[in-house]
Protein backbone atom coordinates (compact mmCIF):
# COMPACT_ATOMS: atom_id res chain seq x y z
CA MET A 1 -0.06 0.24 -0.32
CA ILE A 2 1.25 3.37 -0.81
CA THR A 3 -0.19 6.42 0.76
CA VAL A 4 0.47 9.95 -0.03
CA ILE A 5 -0.13 12.74 2.19
CA ILE A 6 -0.50 16.60 0.54
CA THR A 7 -0.66 18.92 3.52
CA SER A 8 -2.21 22.50 1.66
CA TYR A 9 -3.29 25.62 2.76
CA LYS A 10 -5.95 27.35 0.49
CA GLU A 11 -4.40 27.03 -2.63
CA PRO A 12 -6.57 24.73 -4.36
CA LYS A 13 -5.34 25.14 -8.06
CA ALA A 14 -2.09 24.37 -7.06
CA THR A 15 -3.12 21.27 -5.17
CA VAL A 16 -5.26 19.92 -7.71
CA ARG A 17 -2.21 20.06 -9.86
CA ALA A 18 0.07 18.08 -7.11
CA ALA A 19 -2.56 15.57 -6.46
CA SER A 20 -3.52 14.93 -9.86
CA ILE A 21 0.52 14.35 -10.89
CA PHE A 22 0.66 11.65 -7.88
CA LEU A 23 -2.33 10.13 -9.43
CA GLU A 24 -0.99 9.47 -12.25
CA GLN A 25 2.19 8.21 -11.09
CA LEU A 26 0.26 5.77 -8.47
CA LYS A 27 -1.81 4.25 -11.13
CA LYS A 28 1.40 2.69 -12.72
CA GLN A 29 2.40 1.32 -9.60
CA LYS A 30 1.55 -2.42 -8.83
CA GLN A 31 0.15 -1.62 -5.48
CA LYS A 32 -2.84 -0.24 -3.88
CA PHE A 33 -2.70 3.49 -3.14
CA LYS A 34 -4.68 6.54 -1.56
CA ILE A 35 -4.07 10.15 -2.07
CA ILE A 36 -5.12 12.18 1.18
CA VAL A 37 -5.26 15.83 0.67
CA ALA A 38 -5.37 17.40 4.15
CA ASP A 39 -6.52 21.53 3.96
CA PRO A 40 -8.08 23.80 7.00
CA PHE A 41 -10.33 25.06 4.41
CA PRO A 42 -13.49 23.17 3.16
CA GLU A 43 -13.32 24.57 -0.46
CA VAL A 44 -10.57 23.10 -1.16
CA GLY A 45 -11.99 19.74 -0.48
CA GLU A 46 -15.10 20.80 -2.94
CA TYR A 47 -12.93 21.99 -5.83
CA LEU A 48 -10.80 18.96 -5.23
CA LYS A 49 -13.77 16.64 -5.20
CA LYS A 50 -15.18 18.49 -8.22
CA GLU A 51 -11.63 18.38 -10.27
CA ILE A 52 -10.78 14.42 -9.43
CA LYS A 53 -13.35 12.37 -9.57
CA ASP A 54 -11.43 9.27 -8.61
CA LYS A 55 -12.10 7.18 -5.37
CA ASN A 56 -8.44 6.88 -4.33
CA VAL A 57 -8.22 10.42 -3.84
CA GLU A 58 -9.92 11.40 -0.30
CA PHE A 59 -9.97 15.03 1.66
CA PHE A 60 -9.33 15.26 5.45
CA LEU A 61 -10.28 18.55 6.71
CA ASP A 62 -7.17 19.67 8.63
CA PRO A 63 -8.15 21.02 12.57
CA GLY A 64 -5.61 24.04 11.49
CA GLU A 65 -3.39 23.61 14.32
CA GLY A 66 -0.31 23.18 12.18
CA LYS A 67 1.27 20.74 9.37
CA SER A 68 2.77 18.65 12.04
CA TYR A 69 -0.46 18.23 14.49
CA VAL A 70 -2.36 17.32 11.37
CA LEU A 71 0.70 14.81 10.15
CA ASN A 72 0.72 13.09 13.66
CA ILE A 73 -3.37 12.63 13.58
CA LEU A 74 -2.75 10.76 10.13
CA LEU A 75 0.02 9.00 10.97
CA GLN A 76 -1.83 7.46 13.91
CA GLU A 77 -4.66 6.51 11.48
CA LEU A 78 -2.89 5.17 8.80
CA TYR A 79 -0.12 3.40 11.11
CA HIS A 80 0.05 -0.50 11.36
CA ASN A 81 3.21 -3.22 11.55
CA ASN A 82 3.62 -3.69 7.48
CA LYS A 83 6.73 -2.23 6.92
CA GLU A 84 6.35 -2.12 3.29
CA ASP A 85 3.84 0.05 3.03
CA ILE A 86 5.10 3.30 2.33
CA ILE A 87 4.12 6.96 3.22
CA PHE A 88 4.99 10.24 1.17
CA PHE A 89 4.60 13.78 2.58
CA SER A 90 4.45 16.27 0.32
CA ASP A 91 2.83 20.04 0.27
CA GLY A 92 0.20 21.45 -2.15
CA ASP A 93 2.04 24.31 -3.46
CA VAL A 94 4.67 21.98 -4.99
CA TYR A 95 4.76 19.56 -7.51
CA VAL A 96 6.39 16.49 -8.19
CA SER A 97 8.39 15.26 -11.37
CA GLU A 98 7.17 12.37 -13.48
CA ASN A 99 9.18 9.64 -12.33
CA SER A 100 9.32 10.59 -8.59
CA VAL A 101 7.65 7.65 -6.84
CA SER A 102 9.34 5.14 -8.92
CA GLU A 103 12.46 7.02 -8.18
CA ILE A 104 11.83 6.54 -4.24
CA MET A 105 10.33 3.33 -3.87
CA LYS A 106 13.04 1.59 -5.77
CA LEU A 107 15.17 2.88 -2.83
CA PHE A 108 12.96 1.29 -0.39
CA ASN A 109 13.77 -2.10 -1.96
CA ASP A 110 16.52 -2.14 0.89
CA ARG A 111 14.80 -3.37 4.05
CA GLU A 112 17.48 -0.90 5.89
CA ILE A 113 16.16 2.33 4.61
CA GLY A 114 13.84 4.02 6.70
CA CYS A 115 13.47 7.55 4.97
CA VAL A 116 13.63 8.82 1.69
CA THR A 117 14.02 12.51 0.50
CA ALA A 118 13.65 14.13 -2.91
CA LYS A 119 15.46 17.17 -4.55
CA PRO A 120 14.13 20.60 -4.28
CA VAL A 121 14.38 22.27 -7.64
CA SER A 122 13.28 26.14 -7.98
CA THR A 123 10.75 27.10 -10.33
CA ASP A 124 12.36 31.05 -10.34
CA SER A 125 14.74 32.88 -12.54
CA ARG A 126 18.00 32.84 -12.04
CA ASN A 127 17.99 36.29 -13.20
CA THR A 128 16.28 37.52 -10.03
CA LYS A 129 18.14 38.22 -7.08
CA TYR A 130 16.01 35.96 -4.80
CA GLY A 131 15.44 33.41 -7.66
CA TYR A 132 19.13 33.34 -7.89
CA TRP A 133 19.36 32.70 -4.12
CA SER A 134 17.04 29.90 -4.08
CA HIS A 135 19.04 27.94 -6.86
CA LEU A 136 22.56 28.59 -4.68
CA LEU A 137 20.53 27.31 -1.38
CA PHE A 138 19.29 24.45 -3.19
CA SER A 139 22.48 23.58 -4.67
CA GLY A 140 24.14 23.54 -1.71
CA ILE A 141 21.79 21.04 -0.27
CA ASP A 142 22.11 18.88 -3.00
CA LYS A 143 25.88 18.76 -2.78
CA VAL A 144 25.74 17.86 0.96
CA ARG A 145 22.83 15.43 0.95
CA LYS A 146 25.00 12.97 -1.84
CA LYS A 147 28.08 13.30 0.46
CA LEU A 148 26.24 12.45 3.52
CA SER A 149 23.69 9.92 1.78
CA HIS A 150 27.17 8.29 0.12
CA GLU A 151 28.70 8.42 3.43
CA LYS A 152 25.65 6.35 5.30
CA PHE A 153 25.15 9.63 7.50
CA PHE A 154 22.47 11.06 9.19
CA PHE A 155 20.79 13.64 7.47
CA GLU A 156 17.72 15.80 7.39
CA CYS A 157 15.05 15.30 4.52
CA SER A 158 13.00 18.09 2.52
CA GLY A 159 9.77 18.58 4.00
CA TYR A 160 8.68 19.36 0.36
CA PHE A 161 8.91 15.85 -0.53
CA PHE A 162 9.88 12.62 1.39
CA ALA A 163 8.52 9.57 2.47
CA ILE A 164 8.81 6.61 5.27
CA ARG A 165 7.89 3.44 6.17
CA ASN A 166 5.21 2.73 8.02
CA GLY A 167 5.38 0.53 11.03
CA VAL A 168 8.00 2.50 12.84
CA VAL A 169 7.03 6.05 13.81
CA ASN A 170 3.31 6.86 14.62
CA GLU A 171 3.96 9.98 16.16
CA PHE A 172 6.79 12.85 16.84
CA PRO A 173 7.15 16.03 18.50
CA ILE A 174 5.46 19.39 16.85
CA GLU A 175 8.13 21.74 18.24
CA ALA A 176 10.65 21.15 15.40
CA SER A 177 10.41 20.76 11.59
CA GLU A 178 9.00 17.32 11.16
CA ASP A 179 11.48 16.81 7.95
CA ALA A 180 13.94 16.93 10.78
CA VAL A 181 12.39 15.03 13.59
CA ILE A 182 10.74 11.97 12.01
CA PRO A 183 13.97 10.75 9.97
CA TYR A 184 15.90 11.05 13.38
CA LEU A 185 13.09 9.12 14.60
CA PHE A 186 14.06 6.28 11.98
CA TRP A 187 17.73 6.67 12.81
CA LYS A 188 17.53 6.07 16.25
CA LYS A 189 15.86 2.69 15.61
CA GLY A 190 18.44 2.05 13.08
CA PHE A 191 17.05 2.81 9.72
CA LYS A 192 19.25 4.54 6.88
CA ILE A 193 18.31 7.89 5.04
CA ALA A 194 18.38 7.83 1.80
CA TYR A 195 18.76 10.65 -1.12
CA ALA A 196 16.83 10.29 -4.24
CA ASP A 197 18.61 12.84 -6.32
CA LYS A 198 16.32 12.16 -9.56
CA ALA A 199 13.18 12.44 -8.05
CA LEU A 200 12.36 15.95 -8.41
CA VAL A 201 9.95 18.37 -6.75
CA TYR A 202 9.63 21.60 -7.89
CA VAL A 203 9.23 24.79 -5.58
CA LYS A 204 8.47 28.30 -6.01
CA ASN A 205 10.42 30.40 -3.52
CA PRO A 206 9.93 33.98 -1.81
CA ALA A 207 10.29 36.19 -4.32
CA ASN A 208 10.76 39.38 -1.73
CA TRP A 209 12.57 40.38 1.48
CA LYS A 210 9.42 40.05 3.54
CA ASP A 211 8.94 37.11 2.45
CA TRP A 212 12.13 35.78 2.64
CA LYS A 213 12.77 36.42 5.91
CA ILE A 214 9.43 35.09 7.20
CA GLN A 215 10.02 31.53 5.74
CA LYS A 216 13.98 31.68 6.60
CA ILE A 217 13.66 32.89 9.81
CA ARG A 218 10.87 30.08 10.63
CA ASN A 219 13.09 27.23 9.22
CA ILE A 220 15.69 28.17 11.23
CA LYS A 221 13.56 27.92 14.66
CA GLY A 222 12.12 24.74 13.58
CA HIS A 223 15.47 22.99 13.41
CA GLU A 224 17.17 24.86 16.51
CA ASN A 225 14.25 23.21 18.11
CA LEU A 226 15.53 20.01 17.72
CA SER A 227 18.96 20.22 20.09
CA ARG A 228 16.50 21.04 22.79
CA ILE A 229 14.31 18.19 22.02
CA PHE A 230 17.00 15.43 21.21
CA LYS A 231 20.39 16.77 23.09
CA ASP A 232 22.08 13.71 21.02
CA ILE A 233 20.59 14.37 17.45
CA PRO A 234 23.46 15.07 14.50
CA ARG A 235 22.52 18.55 12.98
CA THR A 236 23.36 18.87 9.54
CA LYS A 237 21.60 22.34 9.07
CA THR A 238 23.28 24.88 11.07
CA PHE A 239 25.16 28.17 10.78
CA PHE A 240 28.37 26.53 11.24
CA ASN A 241 27.72 23.63 8.98
CA GLU A 242 26.59 26.51 6.24
CA ILE A 243 29.90 28.01 6.70
CA LYS A 244 31.90 24.94 6.38
CA GLU A 245 30.11 23.15 3.84
CA GLY A 246 28.69 26.15 1.96
CA PHE A 247 31.55 29.16 1.58
CA LEU A 248 33.54 27.90 -1.02
CA PHE A 249 30.84 26.25 -2.74
CA SER A 250 28.63 29.39 -3.33
CA LEU A 251 31.85 31.35 -4.35
CA PHE A 252 32.19 29.22 -7.48
CA PHE A 253 28.52 29.20 -8.04
CA SER A 254 27.99 32.44 -9.86
CA ARG A 255 28.69 32.82 -13.50
CA ASN A 256 28.79 36.75 -13.35
CA LEU A 257 29.81 39.78 -11.74
CA LYS A 258 25.70 40.74 -10.93
CA GLU A 259 25.79 36.75 -9.10
CA ALA A 260 28.65 37.26 -7.34
CA LEU A 261 27.02 40.79 -5.88
CA TRP A 262 24.15 38.67 -5.11
CA THR A 263 26.04 35.71 -3.71
CA ILE A 264 27.78 38.66 -0.74
CA GLU A 265 24.36 39.73 -0.26
CA LEU A 266 23.23 36.54 0.55
CA TYR A 267 26.11 36.02 3.27
CA PHE A 268 24.63 38.98 5.19
CA ALA A 269 21.27 38.40 4.67
CA ARG A 270 21.68 34.32 6.09
CA LEU A 271 23.62 36.09 9.27
CA TYR A 272 20.62 38.25 9.64
CA ILE A 273 18.02 35.61 9.64
CA TYR A 274 20.68 33.39 12.12
CA ILE A 275 20.85 36.38 14.39
CA LYS A 276 17.28 37.17 14.27
CA ALA A 277 16.36 33.21 15.10
CA PHE A 278 18.75 33.04 18.09
CA ILE A 279 17.28 36.35 19.36
CA ASP A 280 13.72 35.33 19.27
CA LEU A 281 14.69 31.93 20.67
CA LYS A 282 16.21 33.65 23.60
CA ARG A 283 13.43 35.97 24.29
CA LYS A 284 10.70 32.65 24.24
CA LYS A 285 9.67 33.39 20.72
CA SER A 286 9.28 29.45 19.53
CA TYR A 287 8.94 27.84 16.43
CA SER A 288 5.27 27.79 15.70
CA ASP A 289 3.84 25.38 13.48
CA GLY A 290 0.35 27.20 12.97
CA TRP A 291 -0.72 27.20 9.05
CA ARG A 292 0.31 29.48 8.88
CA VAL A 293 0.77 32.47 11.55
CA GLU A 294 2.31 34.77 8.73
CA GLU A 295 1.63 33.89 5.11
CA THR A 296 4.02 33.98 2.09
CA GLU A 297 2.33 35.38 -0.62
CA SER A 298 4.99 35.07 -3.28
CA THR A 299 5.27 31.41 -2.71
CA LYS A 300 1.75 30.90 -3.81
CA PRO A 301 2.45 29.29 -7.60
CA MET A 302 -1.35 29.79 -9.04
CA ASP A 303 -4.03 30.25 -6.38
C-alpha cells in the first residue's frame, strides 16, 4: 500500500495539480494506493472533488493547528505493522517530477532504509536576486545530501517531498520541523536515510525580502528546536555547517559579477536571519507550526 499525504493551505488549483501528478504515477504502480489531501478550508475539498473524480483521492479537514499536528493525526490513523507499506509526504504548493514515485520506491527495496528524501528544484528565474538565491541554496543542499547519503550518515529530509516506511513511527514532537524529527526517529531505530536525487520536487520560492525573511527564520527556529528536544541529534542544518560546507561552494557558483554580488548579499542575509532567529528563541518566541502564522504570498504558485 502506498499513501500520499498532501498538506495544503487555501491553494486549490496548485493542490489539484499536485494531487493529479501523484495520481498518474500511482496508477502505474502495482500496489494499492491512496492520496489524502489535508487542508483547513472545506472549499479546497469541494474543489478537489469537483476536479478529480477518483475514489483513491480523499480530503481530510485539517483542524488548523499546524502541519505537524495534522501529520500526527494521520500517521496514527494509518499506522500498522506492515513495513512494506510506504507513506509519502508533500505540500499542495509544490509538484513532483513524473518519475518521482518510482525513483523513491526503488530505494525502499533496501529494507534497511527507513526514509527517502527527494531533490528540491527551484522554479524561480536565476536572473532575479531571490531566484538566484534559491538556486544557490538548493544546489548547496543537493551537494551535502549526496555526500551524507553516500557516506551513510544521518541527514534531514526535505519537507517538500519525502517518504517513510509505515510501522515504525506513529507520532513525533510538533515543536520542531517534521522533515528533521521524523528521519531522526527512524535513525534512532537503526534505519538508514537515503537521497533520491532523480526524484524532483519543484518549488516556488519567496520573491521579496519580507517573505524570504519570514520563511527562513521560521525554518531556522524549527531546526534549532531539535537540539532542545533531542540532545544527541546529529545536526546538518546549522549556521556553522553552512559556513563549512557552503562558503567555497557558493563562491564558485556565480557565473558573472551580478551573481557574485548577489552571493555576497546572501551571506549578510543569512547572518541576519540566524541572529534574528536566535534572539527570538532567547526571548521565548519559539517556533510556531500554525498554518500559517505569517503567510508568504509570493510562494503561492497558482492561486
